[in-house]
Every structure is written in structure tokens, then in C-alpha cells.
Amino acid sequence: MTINQQDLATLQPTANTIDNDSVEKKSIEENISQTVNNSAEADLIEKELPEEDSIDIMHLRTPIKVDLSPVYNFLGARTTQAWVDAAIENLPMIIQDHANCEKKAAGTAMNLIFRYEFSYDLQRKLAQLIREEMLHYEQVLGIMNERGQEWKYLSAGRYAKGMLKHKRTYEPAAMVDVLIIGAFIEARSCERFAALAEVINDERLAKYYRYLLKSESRHFEDYLALAQSLSDENIDERVAFFKEVEAELISSPDAELRFHSGTPA
């Protein structure tokens, strides 16, 4: 930007004492610096922004390899081979229950947004979670439609209820427990997607489950961070408690087969 004498006279009566060449040189240098900074910022934004995820799984990004060791270490038990075998034999039901899980996760997050409006970080994370869960719900609906699979009634399993019954009843402890439970649900989902992707005889569905690993493996850590941010005390003791509860629900015999059910009875 070039500063003329009239502008200088208007804005700064003492401008006649300033070397005009120095002023113009400084202005030019600032403009160049700003242009460089803007260009660098634009490049950074372009690199950081992820590709837009598609509702159609045909156009999803190629899944990246995800280190699942934090998920496995967080969980108290691994999925049994008996569950994997039963899930493969009843894949349509597992697919629909997966859709139910995505829908319930979005609904739970929406309820929390209205109930806990005091925390910016919580509101922001929940808003992001709702968008992701609803996108996944649409994607699974598309999978069901592509497979010619009709929606059928499925009762809720014991899994979430089995953990929620241990939730404390006073705030903010109740919210902390809900978030810890959410962390275990997300981690278990991630672990089961990985288990199914290894053996499923449907490459497109296996690819989709691998695609989900990145977001699901991140969600459980987000939940834990939010839980700790709302508590003045360390949450490790509550995490250890729910780790045992969740592991028991996964390992013990279960009469109903669901995405988060225990070992088939």
C-alpha cells in the first residue's frame, strides 16, 4: 500500500519529518510479509483440513493404518472368537445394530449438549461427535439399502444399561461417569470393527470398517479428556472400575447377539 502526502498530512501532522522513502519501504515490506504469511497460512489450512467424507462408501478415502494398541490397552478384555463367528453368521443383524449404535450415540450427544451448556470444550466436542455419528449412520443406511436389507425391530442389548446402572447420581460426577462409559463404548466399537474387518468375506464392508478405525480410536480419548476436564479429582479410579464392568459384560455369556454383546450363550 502506497501512502501519499495528503493522507500523511491528514493522519499525522508531523509526517513531514519522516523520510518518505523509509515509510514506503516499510509499507511494502509489511505487505510482502503479510502476503507470505497469508500464503503460508493458506497452505497450512489446506494441509490440515481432511478430505470431505462421503455418505456413499464407494467414494470414501482409502483407510490409513491405525495403531490400535492404545485401544487394546484401555479395554479389559478382547472380543472372543465365538462372538466374531456368530457375528459373521448374522451379519445383517450386526449391520443394523451398528446403525442403531451410531444413531444412539448421536442422540446421546445431542441430549448432553442441551443438558451441559456451561463448557465450551464439551459443547464443541459433542457437536463434532454428532456430525460424525450421523454421517456414519447415513453410511450404514446406504450399506443396508445396497444389500437390499430391510429395517427390522431389534431390542436393545444389555451392554450400555449394564454400565449406566453404575453411574453416580450427582453432578458433575454423573457427567464424568457418562463420558467414561462413552469412552468404553467407542473403544469397544473400534476393537470390534478391527476384528470383523480381518475375517469378513465382503471387501467393501471390510474397507468401511477399517475406515472407521481412525475416528473411533480418537473418540475414546476425547471422551476421557472431557471427563477429566470436568472433574477436580483424578478419574483413573472410575476408569478402572468401569474397565472391570465392561470386560465382564463382554466376556460373560449373553443370550442376545448384538454389536456390543457378550460371548454368545
C-alpha atoms as a PDB file:
ATOM      1  CA  MET A   1       0.000   0.000   0.000  1.00  0.00           C
ATOM      2  CA  THR A   2       1.453   3.438  -1.014  1.00  0.00           C
ATOM      3  CA  ILE A   3       0.939   6.295   1.461  1.00  0.00           C
ATOM      4  CA  ASN A   4       0.638   9.692  -0.288  1.00  0.00           C
ATOM      5  CA  GLN A   5       1.432  13.055   1.214  1.00  0.00           C
ATOM      6  CA  GLN A   6      -2.197  14.122   1.537  1.00  0.00           C
ATOM      7  CA  ASP A   7      -3.012  11.075   3.632  1.00  0.00           C
ATOM      8  CA  LEU A   8       0.032  11.654   5.792  1.00  0.00           C
ATOM      9  CA  ALA A   9      -0.869  15.274   6.294  1.00  0.00           C
ATOM     10  CA  THR A  10      -4.364  14.296   7.349  1.00  0.00           C
ATOM     11  CA  LEU A  11      -3.426  11.451   9.642  1.00  0.00           C
ATOM     12  CA  GLN A  12      -0.167  12.734  11.099  1.00  0.00           C
ATOM     13  CA  PRO A  13       0.699  16.455  11.111  1.00  0.00           C
ATOM     14  CA  THR A  14       4.338  15.696  11.880  1.00  0.00           C
ATOM     15  CA  ALA A  15       4.711  13.448   8.849  1.00  0.00           C
ATOM     16  CA  ASN A  16       6.947  15.975   7.092  1.00  0.00           C
ATOM     17  CA  THR A  17       9.734  14.918   9.450  1.00  0.00           C
ATOM     18  CA  ILE A  18       9.535  11.319   8.303  1.00  0.00           C
ATOM     19  CA  ASP A  19      11.609  10.089   5.427  1.00  0.00           C
ATOM     20  CA  ASN A  20       9.035   9.240   2.734  1.00  0.00           C
ATOM     21  CA  ASP A  21      11.259   6.598   1.178  1.00  0.00           C
ATOM     22  CA  SER A  22      11.530   4.793   4.529  1.00  0.00           C
ATOM     23  CA  VAL A  23       7.769   4.902   5.011  1.00  0.00           C
ATOM     24  CA  GLU A  24       7.094   3.469   1.568  1.00  0.00           C
ATOM     25  CA  LYS A  25       9.792   0.825   2.010  1.00  0.00           C
ATOM     26  CA  LYS A  26       8.378  -0.243   5.370  1.00  0.00           C
ATOM     27  CA  SER A  27       4.864  -0.368   3.946  1.00  0.00           C
ATOM     28  CA  ILE A  28       5.968  -2.510   1.029  1.00  0.00           C
ATOM     29  CA  GLU A  29       7.885  -4.852   3.321  1.00  0.00           C
ATOM     30  CA  GLU A  30       4.847  -5.218   5.587  1.00  0.00           C
ATOM     31  CA  ASN A  31       2.621  -6.001   2.617  1.00  0.00           C
ATOM     32  CA  ILE A  32       5.063  -8.608   1.345  1.00  0.00           C
ATOM     33  CA  SER A  33       5.346 -10.135   4.798  1.00  0.00           C
ATOM     34  CA  GLN A  34       1.562 -10.231   5.158  1.00  0.00           C
ATOM     35  CA  THR A  35       1.216 -11.855   1.730  1.00  0.00           C
ATOM     36  CA  VAL A  36       3.789 -14.502   2.628  1.00  0.00           C
ATOM     37  CA  ASN A  37       2.124 -15.158   5.960  1.00  0.00           C
ATOM     38  CA  ASN A  38      -1.290 -15.432   4.344  1.00  0.00           C
ATOM     39  CA  SER A  39       0.057 -17.830   1.744  1.00  0.00           C
ATOM     40  CA  ALA A  40       1.751 -19.948   4.402  1.00  0.00           C
ATOM     41  CA  GLU A  41      -1.418 -19.958   6.495  1.00  0.00           C
ATOM     42  CA  ALA A  42      -3.473 -20.993   3.478  1.00  0.00           C
ATOM     43  CA  ASP A  43      -1.036 -23.825   2.767  1.00  0.00           C
ATOM     44  CA  LEU A  44      -1.249 -24.923   6.410  1.00  0.00           C
ATOM     45  CA  ILE A  45      -5.045 -24.876   6.379  1.00  0.00           C
ATOM     46  CA  GLU A  46      -5.083 -26.832   3.125  1.00  0.00           C
ATOM     47  CA  LYS A  47      -2.826 -29.476   4.631  1.00  0.00           C
ATOM     48  CA  GLU A  48      -4.734 -29.712   7.902  1.00  0.00           C
ATOM     49  CA  LEU A  49      -8.253 -29.892   6.504  1.00  0.00           C
ATOM     50  CA  PRO A  50      -9.263 -33.520   5.882  1.00  0.00           C
ATOM     51  CA  GLU A  51     -10.900 -34.656   2.700  1.00  0.00           C
ATOM     52  CA  GLU A  52     -14.648 -34.475   2.809  1.00  0.00           C
ATOM     53  CA  ASP A  53     -16.099 -37.803   3.833  1.00  0.00           C
ATOM     54  CA  SER A  54     -18.830 -39.155   1.594  1.00  0.00           C
ATOM     55  CA  ILE A  55     -22.165 -40.683   2.518  1.00  0.00           C
ATOM     56  CA  ASP A  56     -21.557 -43.183  -0.286  1.00  0.00           C
ATOM     57  CA  ILE A  57     -18.927 -45.669   0.906  1.00  0.00           C
ATOM     58  CA  MET A  58     -17.852 -46.114  -2.720  1.00  0.00           C
ATOM     59  CA  HIS A  59     -16.215 -42.680  -2.513  1.00  0.00           C
ATOM     60  CA  LEU A  60     -14.588 -42.880   0.893  1.00  0.00           C
ATOM     61  CA  ARG A  61     -10.942 -42.120   1.405  1.00  0.00           C
ATOM     62  CA  THR A  62      -8.545 -45.041   1.474  1.00  0.00           C
ATOM     63  CA  PRO A  63      -8.289 -46.197   5.113  1.00  0.00           C
ATOM     64  CA  ILE A  64      -4.987 -45.428   6.782  1.00  0.00           C
ATOM     65  CA  LYS A  65      -3.276 -47.877   9.100  1.00  0.00           C
ATOM     66  CA  VAL A  66      -4.208 -47.094  12.698  1.00  0.00           C
ATOM     67  CA  ASP A  67      -2.234 -48.132  15.777  1.00  0.00           C
ATOM     68  CA  LEU A  68      -4.839 -49.830  17.950  1.00  0.00           C
ATOM     69  CA  SER A  69      -2.549 -50.640  20.870  1.00  0.00           C
ATOM     70  CA  PRO A  70      -3.986 -47.753  22.968  1.00  0.00           C
ATOM     71  CA  VAL A  71      -7.470 -49.193  22.408  1.00  0.00           C
ATOM     72  CA  TYR A  72      -6.425 -52.727  23.337  1.00  0.00           C
ATOM     73  CA  ASN A  73      -4.597 -51.488  26.438  1.00  0.00           C
ATOM     74  CA  PHE A  74      -7.586 -49.420  27.517  1.00  0.00           C
ATOM     75  CA  LEU A  75     -10.044 -52.314  27.297  1.00  0.00           C
ATOM     76  CA  GLY A  76     -10.051 -55.016  29.957  1.00  0.00           C
ATOM     77  CA  ALA A  77     -10.817 -57.910  27.585  1.00  0.00           C
ATOM     78  CA  ARG A  78     -10.667 -58.735  23.901  1.00  0.00           C
ATOM     79  CA  THR A  79     -13.637 -59.875  21.857  1.00  0.00           C
ATOM     80  CA  THR A  80     -13.972 -63.667  21.859  1.00  0.00           C
ATOM     81  CA  GLN A  81     -13.724 -65.715  18.681  1.00  0.00           C
ATOM     82  CA  ALA A  82     -17.182 -67.069  19.478  1.00  0.00           C
ATOM     83  CA  TRP A  83     -18.650 -63.567  19.108  1.00  0.00           C
ATOM     84  CA  VAL A  84     -16.794 -62.963  15.829  1.00  0.00           C
ATOM     85  CA  ASP A  85     -18.050 -66.269  14.407  1.00  0.00           C
ATOM     86  CA  ALA A  86     -21.634 -65.539  15.461  1.00  0.00           C
ATOM     87  CA  ALA A  87     -21.437 -62.005  14.041  1.00  0.00           C
ATOM     88  CA  ILE A  88     -20.271 -63.276  10.655  1.00  0.00           C
ATOM     89  CA  GLU A  89     -23.145 -65.760  10.612  1.00  0.00           C
ATOM     90  CA  ASN A  90     -25.633 -62.995  11.444  1.00  0.00           C
ATOM     91  CA  LEU A  91     -24.094 -60.113   9.520  1.00  0.00           C
ATOM     92  CA  PRO A  92     -27.348 -58.329   8.517  1.00  0.00           C
ATOM     93  CA  MET A  93     -28.360 -58.063  12.169  1.00  0.00           C
ATOM     94  CA  ILE A  94     -24.903 -56.795  13.151  1.00  0.00           C
ATOM     95  CA  ILE A  95     -25.026 -54.179  10.386  1.00  0.00           C
ATOM     96  CA  GLN A  96     -28.424 -52.900  11.531  1.00  0.00           C
ATOM     97  CA  ASP A  97     -27.383 -52.849  15.176  1.00  0.00           C
ATOM     98  CA  HIS A  98     -24.307 -50.883  14.127  1.00  0.00           C
ATOM     99  CA  ALA A  99     -26.668 -48.316  12.571  1.00  0.00           C
ATOM    100  CA  ASN A 100     -28.617 -48.261  15.834  1.00  0.00           C
ATOM    101  CA  CYS A 101     -25.405 -47.611  17.744  1.00  0.00           C
ATOM    102  CA  GLU A 102     -24.455 -44.650  15.548  1.00  0.00           C
ATOM    103  CA  LYS A 103     -27.948 -43.165  15.897  1.00  0.00           C
ATOM    104  CA  LYS A 104     -27.976 -43.646  19.683  1.00  0.00           C
ATOM    105  CA  ALA A 105     -24.518 -42.115  20.029  1.00  0.00           C
ATOM    106  CA  ALA A 106     -25.639 -39.013  18.137  1.00  0.00           C
ATOM    107  CA  GLY A 107     -28.827 -38.811  20.189  1.00  0.00           C
ATOM    108  CA  THR A 108     -26.955 -39.150  23.470  1.00  0.00           C
ATOM    109  CA  ALA A 109     -24.509 -36.429  22.458  1.00  0.00           C
ATOM    110  CA  MET A 110     -27.386 -34.132  21.471  1.00  0.00           C
ATOM    111  CA  ASN A 111     -29.046 -34.653  24.853  1.00  0.00           C
ATOM    112  CA  LEU A 112     -25.763 -33.813  26.583  1.00  0.00           C
ATOM    113  CA  ILE A 113     -25.410 -30.607  24.553  1.00  0.00           C
ATOM    114  CA  PHE A 114     -28.722 -29.334  25.922  1.00  0.00           C
ATOM    115  CA  ARG A 115     -28.050 -30.523  29.452  1.00  0.00           C
ATOM    116  CA  TYR A 116     -24.468 -29.301  29.897  1.00  0.00           C
ATOM    117  CA  GLU A 117     -24.176 -25.899  28.270  1.00  0.00           C
ATOM    118  CA  PHE A 118     -21.535 -24.493  30.623  1.00  0.00           C
ATOM    119  CA  SER A 119     -18.452 -25.962  28.939  1.00  0.00           C
ATOM    120  CA  TYR A 120     -17.187 -24.656  25.592  1.00  0.00           C
ATOM    121  CA  ASP A 121     -14.848 -27.626  25.071  1.00  0.00           C
ATOM    122  CA  LEU A 122     -17.628 -30.074  25.860  1.00  0.00           C
ATOM    123  CA  GLN A 123     -20.082 -28.329  23.524  1.00  0.00           C
ATOM    124  CA  ARG A 124     -17.557 -28.213  20.677  1.00  0.00           C
ATOM    125  CA  LYS A 125     -16.527 -31.855  21.008  1.00  0.00           C
ATOM    126  CA  LEU A 126     -20.124 -33.020  21.247  1.00  0.00           C
ATOM    127  CA  ALA A 127     -21.073 -31.025  18.139  1.00  0.00           C
ATOM    128  CA  GLN A 128     -18.233 -32.652  16.214  1.00  0.00           C
ATOM    129  CA  LEU A 129     -19.242 -36.062  17.526  1.00  0.00           C
ATOM    130  CA  ILE A 130     -22.869 -35.589  16.448  1.00  0.00           C
ATOM    131  CA  ARG A 131     -21.806 -34.730  12.885  1.00  0.00           C
ATOM    132  CA  GLU A 132     -19.535 -37.773  12.671  1.00  0.00           C
ATOM    133  CA  GLU A 133     -22.034 -40.192  14.174  1.00  0.00           C
ATOM    134  CA  MET A 134     -24.857 -39.039  11.896  1.00  0.00           C
ATOM    135  CA  LEU A 135     -22.576 -39.322   8.869  1.00  0.00           C
ATOM    136  CA  HIS A 136     -21.752 -42.882   9.879  1.00  0.00           C
ATOM    137  CA  TYR A 137     -25.458 -43.586  10.391  1.00  0.00           C
ATOM    138  CA  GLU A 138     -26.197 -42.417   6.844  1.00  0.00           C
ATOM    139  CA  GLN A 139     -23.347 -44.526   5.522  1.00  0.00           C
ATOM    140  CA  VAL A 140     -24.630 -47.678   7.236  1.00  0.00           C
ATOM    141  CA  LEU A 141     -28.148 -46.985   5.986  1.00  0.00           C
ATOM    142  CA  GLY A 142     -26.653 -46.809   2.499  1.00  0.00           C
ATOM    143  CA  ILE A 143     -24.950 -50.159   3.042  1.00  0.00           C
ATOM    144  CA  MET A 144     -28.242 -51.716   4.124  1.00  0.00           C
ATOM    145  CA  ASN A 145     -30.029 -50.282   1.095  1.00  0.00           C
ATOM    146  CA  GLU A 146     -27.297 -51.503  -1.233  1.00  0.00           C
ATOM    147  CA  ARG A 147     -27.597 -55.001   0.200  1.00  0.00           C
ATOM    148  CA  GLY A 148     -31.395 -54.943  -0.113  1.00  0.00           C
ATOM    149  CA  GLN A 149     -31.678 -55.229   3.643  1.00  0.00           C
ATOM    150  CA  GLU A 150     -34.938 -54.114   5.252  1.00  0.00           C
ATOM    151  CA  TRP A 151     -35.061 -52.483   8.668  1.00  0.00           C
ATOM    152  CA  LYS A 152     -36.320 -54.826  11.384  1.00  0.00           C
ATOM    153  CA  TYR A 153     -37.083 -54.355  15.047  1.00  0.00           C
ATOM    154  CA  LEU A 154     -34.112 -55.006  17.322  1.00  0.00           C
ATOM    155  CA  SER A 155     -34.361 -54.726  21.082  1.00  0.00           C
ATOM    156  CA  ALA A 156     -31.564 -53.009  22.952  1.00  0.00           C
ATOM    157  CA  GLY A 157     -28.896 -55.273  24.387  1.00  0.00           C
ATOM    158  CA  ARG A 158     -27.634 -55.312  27.956  1.00  0.00           C
ATOM    159  CA  TYR A 159     -24.297 -53.597  27.287  1.00  0.00           C
ATOM    160  CA  ALA A 160     -24.918 -49.879  27.804  1.00  0.00           C
ATOM    161  CA  LYS A 161     -27.509 -50.456  30.523  1.00  0.00           C
ATOM    162  CA  GLY A 162     -25.058 -52.723  32.316  1.00  0.00           C
ATOM    163  CA  MET A 163     -22.624 -49.820  32.678  1.00  0.00           C
ATOM    164  CA  LEU A 164     -25.102 -46.969  33.151  1.00  0.00           C
ATOM    165  CA  LYS A 165     -26.619 -48.616  36.211  1.00  0.00           C
ATOM    166  CA  HIS A 166     -23.326 -47.838  37.980  1.00  0.00           C
ATOM    167  CA  LYS A 167     -23.443 -44.125  37.093  1.00  0.00           C
ATOM    168  CA  ARG A 168     -23.327 -41.794  40.069  1.00  0.00           C
ATOM    169  CA  THR A 169     -26.417 -39.640  40.599  1.00  0.00           C
ATOM    170  CA  TYR A 170     -24.942 -36.233  41.489  1.00  0.00           C
ATOM    171  CA  GLU A 171     -23.151 -33.689  39.328  1.00  0.00           C
ATOM    172  CA  PRO A 172     -20.540 -33.364  37.997  1.00  0.00           C
ATOM    173  CA  ALA A 173     -19.825 -36.994  38.902  1.00  0.00           C
ATOM    174  CA  ALA A 174     -22.766 -38.241  36.833  1.00  0.00           C
ATOM    175  CA  MET A 175     -21.471 -36.462  33.748  1.00  0.00           C
ATOM    176  CA  VAL A 176     -17.946 -37.765  34.353  1.00  0.00           C
ATOM    177  CA  ASP A 177     -19.264 -41.331  34.525  1.00  0.00           C
ATOM    178  CA  VAL A 178     -21.334 -40.882  31.347  1.00  0.00           C
ATOM    179  CA  LEU A 179     -18.242 -39.706  29.480  1.00  0.00           C
ATOM    180  CA  ILE A 180     -16.126 -42.585  30.814  1.00  0.00           C
ATOM    181  CA  ILE A 181     -18.818 -45.042  29.719  1.00  0.00           C
ATOM    182  CA  GLY A 182     -18.845 -43.343  26.318  1.00  0.00           C
ATOM    183  CA  ALA A 183     -15.101 -43.880  26.088  1.00  0.00           C
ATOM    184  CA  PHE A 184     -15.508 -47.617  26.627  1.00  0.00           C
ATOM    185  CA  ILE A 185     -18.324 -47.865  24.084  1.00  0.00           C
ATOM    186  CA  GLU A 186     -16.212 -46.103  21.451  1.00  0.00           C
ATOM    187  CA  ALA A 187     -13.133 -48.196  22.228  1.00  0.00           C
ATOM    188  CA  ARG A 188     -15.123 -51.423  22.054  1.00  0.00           C
ATOM    189  CA  SER A 189     -16.661 -50.368  18.743  1.00  0.00           C
ATOM    190  CA  CYS A 190     -13.191 -49.747  17.365  1.00  0.00           C
ATOM    191  CA  GLU A 191     -11.924 -53.118  18.579  1.00  0.00           C
ATOM    192  CA  ARG A 192     -14.864 -54.952  17.012  1.00  0.00           C
ATOM    193  CA  PHE A 193     -14.601 -53.142  13.691  1.00  0.00           C
ATOM    194  CA  ALA A 194     -10.982 -54.272  13.531  1.00  0.00           C
ATOM    195  CA  ALA A 195     -11.897 -57.866  14.443  1.00  0.00           C
ATOM    196  CA  LEU A 196     -14.622 -58.037  11.782  1.00  0.00           C
ATOM    197  CA  ALA A 197     -12.503 -56.373   9.093  1.00  0.00           C
ATOM    198  CA  GLU A 198      -9.914 -59.160   9.377  1.00  0.00           C
ATOM    199  CA  VAL A 199     -12.303 -62.015   8.601  1.00  0.00           C
ATOM    200  CA  ILE A 200     -15.359 -60.635   6.832  1.00  0.00           C
ATOM    201  CA  ASN A 201     -15.972 -62.008   3.334  1.00  0.00           C
ATOM    202  CA  ASP A 202     -17.011 -58.653   1.872  1.00  0.00           C
ATOM    203  CA  GLU A 203     -14.110 -56.444   0.851  1.00  0.00           C
ATOM    204  CA  ARG A 204     -16.141 -53.249   0.617  1.00  0.00           C
ATOM    205  CA  LEU A 205     -17.611 -53.725   4.075  1.00  0.00           C
ATOM    206  CA  ALA A 206     -14.201 -54.674   5.453  1.00  0.00           C
ATOM    207  CA  LYS A 207     -12.758 -51.494   3.934  1.00  0.00           C
ATOM    208  CA  TYR A 208     -15.525 -49.456   5.537  1.00  0.00           C
ATOM    209  CA  TYR A 209     -14.820 -50.935   8.958  1.00  0.00           C
ATOM    210  CA  ARG A 210     -11.120 -50.134   8.529  1.00  0.00           C
ATOM    211  CA  TYR A 211     -12.083 -46.595   7.523  1.00  0.00           C
ATOM    212  CA  LEU A 212     -14.000 -46.198  10.815  1.00  0.00           C
ATOM    213  CA  LEU A 213     -10.994 -47.126  12.949  1.00  0.00           C
ATOM    214  CA  LYS A 214      -9.419 -43.657  12.791  1.00  0.00           C
ATOM    215  CA  SER A 215     -12.421 -41.795  14.182  1.00  0.00           C
ATOM    216  CA  GLU A 216     -13.443 -44.457  16.688  1.00  0.00           C
ATOM    217  CA  SER A 217      -9.924 -44.770  18.079  1.00  0.00           C
ATOM    218  CA  ARG A 218      -9.860 -40.992  18.590  1.00  0.00           C
ATOM    219  CA  HIS A 219     -13.305 -40.750  20.164  1.00  0.00           C
ATOM    220  CA  PHE A 220     -12.483 -42.765  23.268  1.00  0.00           C
ATOM    221  CA  GLU A 221      -9.550 -40.477  24.090  1.00  0.00           C
ATOM    222  CA  ASP A 222     -11.726 -37.392  23.525  1.00  0.00           C
ATOM    223  CA  TYR A 223     -14.291 -38.732  25.981  1.00  0.00           C
ATOM    224  CA  LEU A 224     -11.635 -39.387  28.614  1.00  0.00           C
ATOM    225  CA  ALA A 225     -10.119 -35.928  28.211  1.00  0.00           C
ATOM    226  CA  LEU A 226     -13.526 -34.309  28.599  1.00  0.00           C
ATOM    227  CA  ALA A 227     -14.302 -36.420  31.658  1.00  0.00           C
ATOM    228  CA  GLN A 228     -11.057 -35.375  33.326  1.00  0.00           C
ATOM    229  CA  SER A 229     -11.637 -31.705  32.456  1.00  0.00           C
ATOM    230  CA  LEU A 230     -14.930 -31.771  34.374  1.00  0.00           C
ATOM    231  CA  SER A 231     -13.519 -33.439  37.475  1.00  0.00           C
ATOM    232  CA  ASP A 232     -11.366 -31.884  40.185  1.00  0.00           C
ATOM    233  CA  GLU A 233     -10.189 -35.368  41.105  1.00  0.00           C
ATOM    234  CA  ASN A 234      -8.223 -37.842  39.036  1.00  0.00           C
ATOM    235  CA  ILE A 235     -10.620 -40.129  37.147  1.00  0.00           C
ATOM    236  CA  ASP A 236      -8.298 -43.146  36.998  1.00  0.00           C
ATOM    237  CA  GLU A 237     -10.160 -44.948  39.770  1.00  0.00           C
ATOM    238  CA  ARG A 238     -13.500 -44.609  37.971  1.00  0.00           C
ATOM    239  CA  VAL A 239     -11.928 -45.664  34.685  1.00  0.00           C
ATOM    240  CA  ALA A 240     -10.514 -48.790  36.360  1.00  0.00           C
ATOM    241  CA  PHE A 241     -13.933 -49.555  37.852  1.00  0.00           C
ATOM    242  CA  PHE A 242     -15.759 -49.324  34.530  1.00  0.00           C
ATOM    243  CA  LYS A 243     -12.965 -51.270  32.842  1.00  0.00           C
ATOM    244  CA  GLU A 244     -13.864 -54.271  35.002  1.00  0.00           C
ATOM    245  CA  VAL A 245     -17.598 -53.789  34.470  1.00  0.00           C
ATOM    246  CA  GLU A 246     -17.231 -53.522  30.692  1.00  0.00           C
ATOM    247  CA  ALA A 247     -14.891 -56.513  30.468  1.00  0.00           C
ATOM    248  CA  GLU A 248     -17.387 -58.651  32.391  1.00  0.00           C
ATOM    249  CA  LEU A 249     -20.219 -57.639  30.048  1.00  0.00           C
ATOM    250  CA  ILE A 250     -18.095 -58.578  27.021  1.00  0.00           C
ATOM    251  CA  SER A 251     -16.693 -61.848  28.363  1.00  0.00           C
ATOM    252  CA  SER A 252     -19.691 -63.363  30.116  1.00  0.00           C
ATOM    253  CA  PRO A 253     -22.418 -65.381  28.333  1.00  0.00           C
ATOM    254  CA  ASP A 254     -25.080 -63.290  26.625  1.00  0.00           C
ATOM    255  CA  ALA A 255     -28.426 -64.585  25.372  1.00  0.00           C
ATOM    256  CA  GLU A 256     -28.728 -61.851  22.708  1.00  0.00           C
ATOM    257  CA  LEU A 257     -26.331 -61.223  19.858  1.00  0.00           C
ATOM    258  CA  ARG A 258     -25.701 -57.521  19.325  1.00  0.00           C
ATOM    259  CA  PHE A 259     -22.816 -55.367  18.165  1.00  0.00           C
ATOM    260  CA  HIS A 260     -21.725 -54.880  21.795  1.00  0.00           C
ATOM    261  CA  SER A 261     -22.999 -58.150  23.241  1.00  0.00           C
ATOM    262  CA  GLY A 262     -21.053 -60.639  25.325  1.00  0.00           C
ATOM    263  CA  THR A 263     -19.980 -64.153  24.440  1.00  0.00           C
ATOM    264  CA  PRO A 264     -22.891 -65.945  22.724  1.00  0.00           C
ATOM    265  CA  ALA A 265     -24.611 -68.213  25.235  1.00  0.00           C
END
